[in-house]
Amino acid sequence: MATYYKGSNNGVVAIVTEAVYEKMQERYQLLAECEAKGLPRPQLPPITPVFTFSRPEHGAFKFMTGSYALLERLLEGHEVHSGAIWVPFSNGIQWGNDESARWEQEFMTSFDEVVEAFGLEVVS
């Protein structure tokens, strides 16, 4: 059994592994320290992978990992906690033609990332 963290926004659910969540928490601490010292917010790459799920009718579904049904199957038998997670593809940022859109699109996940994160076995 593995541990995952979950966040949601505007009908999109984001899931991360425990290791990714820990990296996110470290990043939040770094940003808070920068702010406390009056330093500018550093431009850092996103922490990934962040797996995203919604209804197939969702306007940004093509950017996501899969559907709610897939999410339920992937999380069967695992421990899931609520967490403070950026929920990609939940605010329409990916539709722009600017740096923010490109950054958001970096959250798209691959099949290989799903296999590794959820301990799936690929049968040939």
C-alpha atoms as a PDB file:
ATOM      1  CA  MET A   1       0.000   0.000   0.000  1.00  0.00           C
ATOM      2  CA  ALA A   2       1.323   3.426  -0.973  1.00  0.00           C
ATOM      3  CA  THR A   3       0.420   6.896   0.276  1.00  0.00           C
ATOM      4  CA  TYR A   4      -0.866   9.629  -2.052  1.00  0.00           C
ATOM      5  CA  TYR A   5      -1.981  13.209  -1.567  1.00  0.00           C
ATOM      6  CA  LYS A   6      -5.034  14.739  -3.191  1.00  0.00           C
ATOM      7  CA  GLY A   7      -6.219  18.249  -3.993  1.00  0.00           C
ATOM      8  CA  SER A   8      -9.106  19.474  -6.134  1.00  0.00           C
ATOM      9  CA  ASN A   9     -10.326  22.618  -7.857  1.00  0.00           C
ATOM     10  CA  ASN A  10     -13.098  23.334 -10.373  1.00  0.00           C
ATOM     11  CA  GLY A  11     -13.887  19.667 -11.001  1.00  0.00           C
ATOM     12  CA  VAL A  12     -10.257  18.593 -11.412  1.00  0.00           C
ATOM     13  CA  VAL A  13      -8.603  16.244  -8.913  1.00  0.00           C
ATOM     14  CA  ALA A  14      -4.814  16.254  -8.573  1.00  0.00           C
ATOM     15  CA  ILE A  15      -2.909  13.324  -7.070  1.00  0.00           C
ATOM     16  CA  VAL A  16       0.771  13.135  -6.137  1.00  0.00           C
ATOM     17  CA  THR A  17       2.946  10.482  -4.566  1.00  0.00           C
ATOM     18  CA  GLU A  18       4.241  10.915  -1.048  1.00  0.00           C
ATOM     19  CA  ALA A  19       7.741  11.745  -2.375  1.00  0.00           C
ATOM     20  CA  VAL A  20       6.411  14.456  -4.694  1.00  0.00           C
ATOM     21  CA  TYR A  21       4.281  15.892  -1.874  1.00  0.00           C
ATOM     22  CA  GLU A  22       7.332  16.112   0.391  1.00  0.00           C
ATOM     23  CA  LYS A  23       9.232  18.004  -2.350  1.00  0.00           C
ATOM     24  CA  MET A  24       6.262  20.372  -2.681  1.00  0.00           C
ATOM     25  CA  GLN A  25       6.261  21.056   1.047  1.00  0.00           C
ATOM     26  CA  GLU A  26       9.997  21.820   0.931  1.00  0.00           C
ATOM     27  CA  ARG A  27       9.352  24.206  -1.977  1.00  0.00           C
ATOM     28  CA  TYR A  28       6.573  25.996  -0.079  1.00  0.00           C
ATOM     29  CA  GLN A  29       8.970  26.434   2.862  1.00  0.00           C
ATOM     30  CA  LEU A  30      11.659  27.872   0.559  1.00  0.00           C
ATOM     31  CA  LEU A  31       9.190  30.339  -0.960  1.00  0.00           C
ATOM     32  CA  ALA A  32       8.000  31.373   2.503  1.00  0.00           C
ATOM     33  CA  GLU A  33      11.597  31.979   3.582  1.00  0.00           C
ATOM     34  CA  CYS A  34      12.268  34.096   0.472  1.00  0.00           C
ATOM     35  CA  GLU A  35       9.150  36.149   1.177  1.00  0.00           C
ATOM     36  CA  ALA A  36      10.049  36.581   4.867  1.00  0.00           C
ATOM     37  CA  LYS A  37      13.469  37.922   3.889  1.00  0.00           C
ATOM     38  CA  GLY A  38      12.017  40.302   1.310  1.00  0.00           C
ATOM     39  CA  LEU A  39      13.563  38.410  -1.593  1.00  0.00           C
ATOM     40  CA  PRO A  40      11.851  38.170  -4.977  1.00  0.00           C
ATOM     41  CA  ARG A  41       9.912  34.991  -5.661  1.00  0.00           C
ATOM     42  CA  PRO A  42      12.297  32.679  -7.572  1.00  0.00           C
ATOM     43  CA  GLN A  43      11.211  31.257 -10.923  1.00  0.00           C
ATOM     44  CA  LEU A  44      11.414  27.510 -10.318  1.00  0.00           C
ATOM     45  CA  PRO A  45      10.364  24.591 -12.482  1.00  0.00           C
ATOM     46  CA  PRO A  46       7.198  22.732 -11.471  1.00  0.00           C
ATOM     47  CA  ILE A  47       7.477  19.728  -9.208  1.00  0.00           C
ATOM     48  CA  THR A  48       6.095  16.773 -11.112  1.00  0.00           C
ATOM     49  CA  PRO A  49       4.461  14.434 -11.761  1.00  0.00           C
ATOM     50  CA  VAL A  50       1.046  15.694 -10.722  1.00  0.00           C
ATOM     51  CA  PHE A  51      -1.671  13.372 -11.993  1.00  0.00           C
ATOM     52  CA  THR A  52      -4.947  15.055 -12.921  1.00  0.00           C
ATOM     53  CA  PHE A  53      -8.418  13.589 -13.318  1.00  0.00           C
ATOM     54  CA  SER A  54     -11.860  14.869 -14.279  1.00  0.00           C
ATOM     55  CA  ARG A  55     -14.995  13.997 -16.199  1.00  0.00           C
ATOM     56  CA  PRO A  56     -14.320  13.314 -19.901  1.00  0.00           C
ATOM     57  CA  GLU A  57     -16.622  16.263 -20.704  1.00  0.00           C
ATOM     58  CA  HIS A  58     -14.279  18.703 -18.945  1.00  0.00           C
ATOM     59  CA  GLY A  59     -12.938  21.261 -21.425  1.00  0.00           C
ATOM     60  CA  ALA A  60      -9.315  20.529 -20.533  1.00  0.00           C
ATOM     61  CA  PHE A  61      -9.673  16.727 -20.381  1.00  0.00           C
ATOM     62  CA  LYS A  62      -7.145  16.209 -23.197  1.00  0.00           C
ATOM     63  CA  PHE A  63      -4.428  17.574 -20.903  1.00  0.00           C
ATOM     64  CA  MET A  64      -5.279  15.254 -18.010  1.00  0.00           C
ATOM     65  CA  THR A  65      -4.124  11.844 -16.869  1.00  0.00           C
ATOM     66  CA  GLY A  66      -7.613  10.389 -17.074  1.00  0.00           C
ATOM     67  CA  SER A  67     -11.150  10.135 -15.749  1.00  0.00           C
ATOM     68  CA  TYR A  68     -12.553   9.841 -12.239  1.00  0.00           C
ATOM     69  CA  ALA A  69     -13.158   6.146 -12.956  1.00  0.00           C
ATOM     70  CA  LEU A  70      -9.451   5.630 -13.677  1.00  0.00           C
ATOM     71  CA  LEU A  71      -8.586   7.580 -10.532  1.00  0.00           C
ATOM     72  CA  GLU A  72     -10.717   5.266  -8.393  1.00  0.00           C
ATOM     73  CA  ARG A  73      -9.044   2.191  -9.892  1.00  0.00           C
ATOM     74  CA  LEU A  74      -5.528   3.591  -9.425  1.00  0.00           C
ATOM     75  CA  LEU A  75      -6.130   4.477  -5.768  1.00  0.00           C
ATOM     76  CA  GLU A  76      -7.813   1.192  -4.773  1.00  0.00           C
ATOM     77  CA  GLY A  77      -6.146  -0.215  -1.684  1.00  0.00           C
ATOM     78  CA  HIS A  78      -3.939   2.849  -1.124  1.00  0.00           C
ATOM     79  CA  GLU A  79      -3.951   5.520   1.561  1.00  0.00           C
ATOM     80  CA  VAL A  80      -5.032   8.980   0.368  1.00  0.00           C
ATOM     81  CA  HIS A  81      -4.684  12.240   2.317  1.00  0.00           C
ATOM     82  CA  SER A  82      -5.843  15.750   1.494  1.00  0.00           C
ATOM     83  CA  GLY A  83      -3.013  18.098   0.742  1.00  0.00           C
ATOM     84  CA  ALA A  84      -2.059  21.552  -0.477  1.00  0.00           C
ATOM     85  CA  ILE A  85      -1.398  20.757  -4.135  1.00  0.00           C
ATOM     86  CA  TRP A  86      -1.379  22.944  -7.239  1.00  0.00           C
ATOM     87  CA  VAL A  87      -4.208  21.552  -9.398  1.00  0.00           C
ATOM     88  CA  PRO A  88      -3.119  21.895 -13.020  1.00  0.00           C
ATOM     89  CA  PHE A  89      -5.697  22.423 -15.770  1.00  0.00           C
ATOM     90  CA  SER A  90      -8.357  23.636 -13.333  1.00  0.00           C
ATOM     91  CA  ASN A  91      -8.278  27.353 -14.177  1.00  0.00           C
ATOM     92  CA  GLY A  92      -7.785  27.473 -17.948  1.00  0.00           C
ATOM     93  CA  ILE A  93      -4.172  28.694 -17.797  1.00  0.00           C
ATOM     94  CA  GLN A  94      -3.116  25.981 -20.269  1.00  0.00           C
ATOM     95  CA  TRP A  95      -5.125  27.632 -23.071  1.00  0.00           C
ATOM     96  CA  GLY A  96      -2.980  30.756 -23.221  1.00  0.00           C
ATOM     97  CA  ASN A  97      -0.081  31.388 -25.541  1.00  0.00           C
ATOM     98  CA  ASP A  98       2.366  32.672 -22.957  1.00  0.00           C
ATOM     99  CA  GLU A  99       4.895  31.504 -20.394  1.00  0.00           C
ATOM    100  CA  SER A 100       2.169  30.650 -17.857  1.00  0.00           C
ATOM    101  CA  ALA A 101       0.469  28.340 -20.362  1.00  0.00           C
ATOM    102  CA  ARG A 102       3.735  26.611 -21.223  1.00  0.00           C
ATOM    103  CA  TRP A 103       4.468  26.173 -17.506  1.00  0.00           C
ATOM    104  CA  GLU A 104       1.016  24.664 -16.903  1.00  0.00           C
ATOM    105  CA  GLN A 105       1.418  22.246 -19.822  1.00  0.00           C
ATOM    106  CA  GLU A 106       4.563  20.855 -18.179  1.00  0.00           C
ATOM    107  CA  PHE A 107       2.177  19.071 -15.798  1.00  0.00           C
ATOM    108  CA  MET A 108       0.935  16.711 -18.497  1.00  0.00           C
ATOM    109  CA  THR A 109       1.776  13.132 -17.507  1.00  0.00           C
ATOM    110  CA  SER A 110       2.909  10.117 -19.485  1.00  0.00           C
ATOM    111  CA  PHE A 111       1.800   6.516 -19.301  1.00  0.00           C
ATOM    112  CA  ASP A 112       5.248   5.567 -17.965  1.00  0.00           C
ATOM    113  CA  GLU A 113       4.844   8.038 -15.089  1.00  0.00           C
ATOM    114  CA  VAL A 114       1.470   6.501 -14.215  1.00  0.00           C
ATOM    115  CA  VAL A 115       2.914   2.983 -14.290  1.00  0.00           C
ATOM    116  CA  GLU A 116       5.776   3.976 -11.991  1.00  0.00           C
ATOM    117  CA  ALA A 117       3.786   6.121  -9.537  1.00  0.00           C
ATOM    118  CA  PHE A 118       0.954   3.643  -9.045  1.00  0.00           C
ATOM    119  CA  GLY A 119       3.031   0.463  -9.139  1.00  0.00           C
ATOM    120  CA  LEU A 120       1.317  -0.945 -12.198  1.00  0.00           C
ATOM    121  CA  GLU A 121       2.621  -3.950 -14.055  1.00  0.00           C
ATOM    122  CA  VAL A 122       2.574  -3.772 -17.835  1.00  0.00           C
ATOM    123  CA  VAL A 123       1.840  -7.149 -19.397  1.00  0.00           C
ATOM    124  CA  SER A 124       3.026  -7.739 -22.926  1.00  0.00           C
END
